């Protein structure tokens, strides 16, 4: 049975979850989490304070990674390379998402994007931390680093679900969800240069893109992302 095509057709939380879990990217994200969990168990190190530190570090770093990917990758303008106009596939897909924000088929990550996040972007910070520890002559805590990767992957899953839910007709009930729901809709329909956080407002607040909407002009390119 074909799922709902437009967000306006998804009105309840159970319906949203049913639509979401039938998509490809949630399955790819779950696959990544299972692979990392198996690796964590295989390492065999007991959970220690190092695991807590690794998880806490990813919780702090993740909002800024989410913000940076949104600003510098998804909103990357077409550029000239060797006399040709180049537009990254991720940026093109995001532009199409801005053009049709109600289209549920344009919201979630492509399988290749999900895999790149799960196995390249998320492990990058723990891998760098392990490299620094190794260069300093310390014992690399592989188990704790994998715990950090697991934390980051879980946050990617939360991002994917949150972004999907925001674009349905389900309306916020909790105070926190109302805040991120409102900000993301302002990003789409008021001005694309602000409110880049999806799951949180931490990076926006720290980096100056969390504005009172009354102080921000309405952009003519919020729906097109054209220069």
Protein backbone atom coordinates (compact mmCIF):
# COMPACT_ATOMS: atom_id res chain seq x y z
CA UNK A 1 0.00 0.00 0.00
CA UNK A 2 1.39 3.37 -1.02
CA UNK A 3 2.03 5.75 1.87
CA UNK A 4 0.89 9.32 2.23
CA UNK A 5 2.47 11.72 -0.25
CA UNK A 6 1.88 15.02 1.52
CA UNK A 7 2.37 16.13 5.10
CA UNK A 8 -1.15 17.52 5.31
CA UNK A 9 -2.47 13.96 5.03
CA UNK A 10 -0.67 12.79 8.18
CA UNK A 11 -2.56 14.15 11.18
CA UNK A 12 -1.77 11.88 14.15
CA UNK A 13 1.39 10.71 15.86
CA UNK A 14 0.70 6.97 15.25
CA UNK A 15 0.05 7.67 11.57
CA UNK A 16 3.27 9.69 11.34
CA UNK A 17 5.26 6.88 12.95
CA UNK A 18 3.72 4.30 10.61
CA UNK A 19 4.66 6.41 7.58
CA UNK A 20 8.14 7.13 8.91
CA UNK A 21 9.19 3.58 9.71
CA UNK A 22 8.15 2.42 6.23
CA UNK A 23 10.73 4.72 4.59
CA UNK A 24 14.23 3.66 3.58
CA UNK A 25 16.39 6.05 5.60
CA UNK A 26 15.08 5.01 9.06
CA UNK A 27 15.94 1.43 8.14
CA UNK A 28 19.46 2.46 7.09
CA UNK A 29 19.90 4.40 10.33
CA UNK A 30 18.71 1.42 12.37
CA UNK A 31 21.14 -0.77 10.44
CA UNK A 32 24.00 1.56 11.33
CA UNK A 33 23.06 1.57 15.02
CA UNK A 34 22.86 -2.23 15.11
CA UNK A 35 26.27 -2.59 13.41
CA UNK A 36 27.90 -0.20 15.90
CA UNK A 37 26.14 -1.84 18.85
CA UNK A 38 27.44 -5.24 17.77
CA UNK A 39 30.94 -3.76 17.48
CA UNK A 40 30.61 -2.22 20.96
CA UNK A 41 29.61 -5.56 22.46
CA UNK A 42 32.38 -7.35 20.56
CA UNK A 43 35.02 -5.01 21.98
CA UNK A 44 33.99 -6.22 25.40
CA UNK A 45 35.10 -3.24 27.46
CA UNK A 46 32.83 -2.63 30.47
CA UNK A 47 30.92 0.63 30.66
CA UNK A 48 32.93 3.20 32.60
CA UNK A 49 33.11 6.95 33.14
CA UNK A 50 34.87 7.15 29.78
CA UNK A 51 31.67 6.02 28.08
CA UNK A 52 29.76 8.77 29.88
CA UNK A 53 32.32 11.35 28.78
CA UNK A 54 32.18 10.14 25.16
CA UNK A 55 28.39 10.25 25.12
CA UNK A 56 28.32 13.70 26.72
CA UNK A 57 30.88 15.00 24.20
CA UNK A 58 28.72 13.88 21.28
CA UNK A 59 25.65 15.45 22.87
CA UNK A 60 27.49 18.78 22.97
CA UNK A 61 29.10 18.53 19.53
CA UNK A 62 26.08 17.20 17.63
CA UNK A 63 23.95 20.40 17.59
CA UNK A 64 26.81 22.28 15.94
CA UNK A 65 27.33 19.50 13.41
CA UNK A 66 23.63 19.55 12.57
CA UNK A 67 23.81 23.33 12.13
CA UNK A 68 26.99 23.23 10.01
CA UNK A 69 25.68 20.54 7.66
CA UNK A 70 22.48 22.50 7.16
CA UNK A 71 24.25 25.81 6.52
CA UNK A 72 27.35 24.80 4.59
CA UNK A 73 26.27 21.64 2.77
CA UNK A 74 22.51 21.66 2.28
CA UNK A 75 22.39 25.40 1.55
CA UNK A 76 25.52 25.42 -0.58
CA UNK A 77 24.94 27.54 -3.68
CA UNK A 78 25.81 26.22 -7.15
CA UNK A 79 29.38 27.08 -8.06
CA UNK A 80 31.56 27.15 -11.16
CA UNK A 81 34.18 24.45 -11.66
CA UNK A 82 36.26 24.35 -14.84
CA UNK A 83 33.75 26.53 -16.60
CA UNK A 84 30.76 24.40 -15.63
CA UNK A 85 27.97 25.04 -13.18
CA UNK A 86 28.07 22.50 -10.35
CA UNK A 87 25.36 21.84 -7.77
CA UNK A 88 25.89 19.10 -5.21
CA UNK A 89 23.21 16.43 -5.15
CA UNK A 90 22.55 17.07 -1.45
CA UNK A 91 22.10 20.80 -2.05
CA UNK A 92 19.83 20.18 -5.03
CA UNK A 93 17.68 17.77 -3.03
CA UNK A 94 17.43 20.29 -0.20
CA UNK A 95 16.47 23.07 -2.61
CA UNK A 96 13.70 20.84 -3.96
CA UNK A 97 12.61 20.23 -0.36
CA UNK A 98 12.31 23.99 0.18
CA UNK A 99 10.30 24.28 -3.04
CA UNK A 100 7.88 21.55 -1.92
CA UNK A 101 8.13 21.40 1.90
CA UNK A 102 4.84 19.50 2.14
CA UNK A 103 6.09 16.62 -0.03
CA UNK A 104 6.99 13.74 2.30
CA UNK A 105 9.07 12.08 -0.43
CA UNK A 106 11.56 14.97 -0.31
CA UNK A 107 12.12 15.17 3.44
CA UNK A 108 14.17 12.19 4.53
CA UNK A 109 17.79 11.39 3.79
CA UNK A 110 18.71 9.38 0.75
CA UNK A 111 20.20 5.97 1.65
CA UNK A 112 23.66 7.13 0.58
CA UNK A 113 23.33 10.26 2.75
CA UNK A 114 22.17 8.20 5.74
CA UNK A 115 25.10 5.81 5.38
CA UNK A 116 27.57 8.68 4.99
CA UNK A 117 26.30 10.26 8.20
CA UNK A 118 26.28 7.01 10.14
CA UNK A 119 29.66 5.65 9.07
CA UNK A 120 31.66 8.74 8.08
CA UNK A 121 30.42 11.97 9.66
CA UNK A 122 29.41 10.62 13.08
CA UNK A 123 32.53 8.46 13.68
CA UNK A 124 34.83 11.33 12.67
CA UNK A 125 34.95 13.04 16.07
CA UNK A 126 35.52 9.83 18.11
CA UNK A 127 38.15 8.73 15.57
CA UNK A 128 40.00 12.03 15.93
CA UNK A 129 39.81 11.73 19.71
CA UNK A 130 41.27 8.23 19.50
CA UNK A 131 44.07 9.48 17.25
CA UNK A 132 44.97 12.24 19.70
CA UNK A 133 45.04 9.75 22.58
CA UNK A 134 47.24 7.37 20.57
CA UNK A 135 49.67 10.14 19.58
CA UNK A 136 49.89 11.18 23.22
CA UNK A 137 50.93 7.67 24.14
CA UNK A 138 47.74 6.74 25.95
CA UNK A 139 45.63 3.61 25.68
CA UNK A 140 42.84 4.14 23.18
CA UNK A 141 39.46 3.37 24.84
CA UNK A 142 37.83 1.72 21.84
CA UNK A 143 34.72 0.78 23.77
CA UNK A 144 34.10 4.34 24.94
CA UNK A 145 34.73 5.71 21.45
CA UNK A 146 32.15 3.29 20.05
CA UNK A 147 29.73 4.49 22.74
CA UNK A 148 30.29 7.99 21.40
CA UNK A 149 29.56 6.79 17.87
CA UNK A 150 26.37 5.09 19.09
CA UNK A 151 25.26 8.32 20.76
CA UNK A 152 25.81 10.30 17.57
CA UNK A 153 23.99 7.72 15.47
CA UNK A 154 21.02 7.77 17.83
CA UNK A 155 20.94 11.57 17.48
CA UNK A 156 20.84 11.19 13.69
CA UNK A 157 17.82 8.94 14.12
CA UNK A 158 16.16 11.54 16.35
CA UNK A 159 16.93 14.20 13.74
CA UNK A 160 15.35 12.17 10.95
CA UNK A 161 12.18 11.45 12.94
CA UNK A 162 11.87 15.04 14.17
CA UNK A 163 12.30 16.55 10.72
CA UNK A 164 9.73 14.16 9.27
CA UNK A 165 7.23 14.87 12.04
CA UNK A 166 7.58 18.65 11.72
CA UNK A 167 6.51 18.43 8.08
CA UNK A 168 3.31 16.53 8.84
CA UNK A 169 0.02 18.02 9.96
CA UNK A 170 0.61 16.78 13.51
CA UNK A 171 0.73 19.79 15.78
CA UNK A 172 3.07 20.24 18.75
CA UNK A 173 1.92 19.53 22.28
CA UNK A 174 5.06 19.80 24.36
CA UNK A 175 6.72 23.16 24.90
CA UNK A 176 10.05 21.97 23.51
CA UNK A 177 8.56 20.49 20.36
CA UNK A 178 6.55 23.66 19.79
CA UNK A 179 9.77 25.68 19.83
CA UNK A 180 11.63 23.60 17.22
CA UNK A 181 8.45 23.19 15.13
CA UNK A 182 7.96 26.97 15.03
CA UNK A 183 11.61 27.66 14.24
CA UNK A 184 11.74 25.19 11.36
CA UNK A 185 8.60 26.59 9.82
CA UNK A 186 10.09 30.08 10.09
CA UNK A 187 13.17 28.75 8.29
CA UNK A 188 11.01 27.47 5.45
CA UNK A 189 8.45 30.24 5.16
CA UNK A 190 10.05 33.38 6.66
CA UNK A 191 13.78 33.44 6.02
CA UNK A 192 16.12 30.60 5.05
CA UNK A 193 19.17 32.31 6.61
CA UNK A 194 17.99 31.70 10.19
CA UNK A 195 16.70 28.90 12.42
CA UNK A 196 18.91 26.09 11.06
CA UNK A 197 18.56 23.71 14.00
CA UNK A 198 16.11 20.84 13.60
CA UNK A 199 16.23 18.97 16.89
CA UNK A 200 17.45 21.86 19.04
CA UNK A 201 18.13 25.58 19.15
CA UNK A 202 21.54 25.43 20.86
CA UNK A 203 23.72 26.13 17.82
CA UNK A 204 21.35 28.80 16.49
CA UNK A 205 21.49 30.58 19.83
CA UNK A 206 25.28 30.32 20.07
CA UNK A 207 26.02 31.26 16.46
CA UNK A 208 23.61 34.14 15.97
CA UNK A 209 20.93 32.57 13.78
CA UNK A 210 18.27 32.40 16.48
CA UNK A 211 16.34 35.61 15.92
CA UNK A 212 13.03 37.02 17.00
CA UNK A 213 10.95 36.65 13.87
CA UNK A 214 9.75 40.23 14.26
CA UNK A 215 13.31 41.41 13.64
CA UNK A 216 13.80 39.36 10.47
CA UNK A 217 12.58 40.43 7.05
CA UNK A 218 10.62 37.99 4.92
CA UNK A 219 12.90 36.47 2.32
CA UNK A 220 11.78 36.16 -1.28
CA UNK A 221 13.99 33.11 -1.72
CA UNK A 222 12.98 31.00 1.27
CA UNK A 223 11.00 28.70 -1.01
CA UNK A 224 13.54 28.58 -3.84
CA UNK A 225 17.02 29.02 -2.30
CA UNK A 226 18.04 30.75 -5.50
CA UNK A 227 20.72 33.49 -5.31
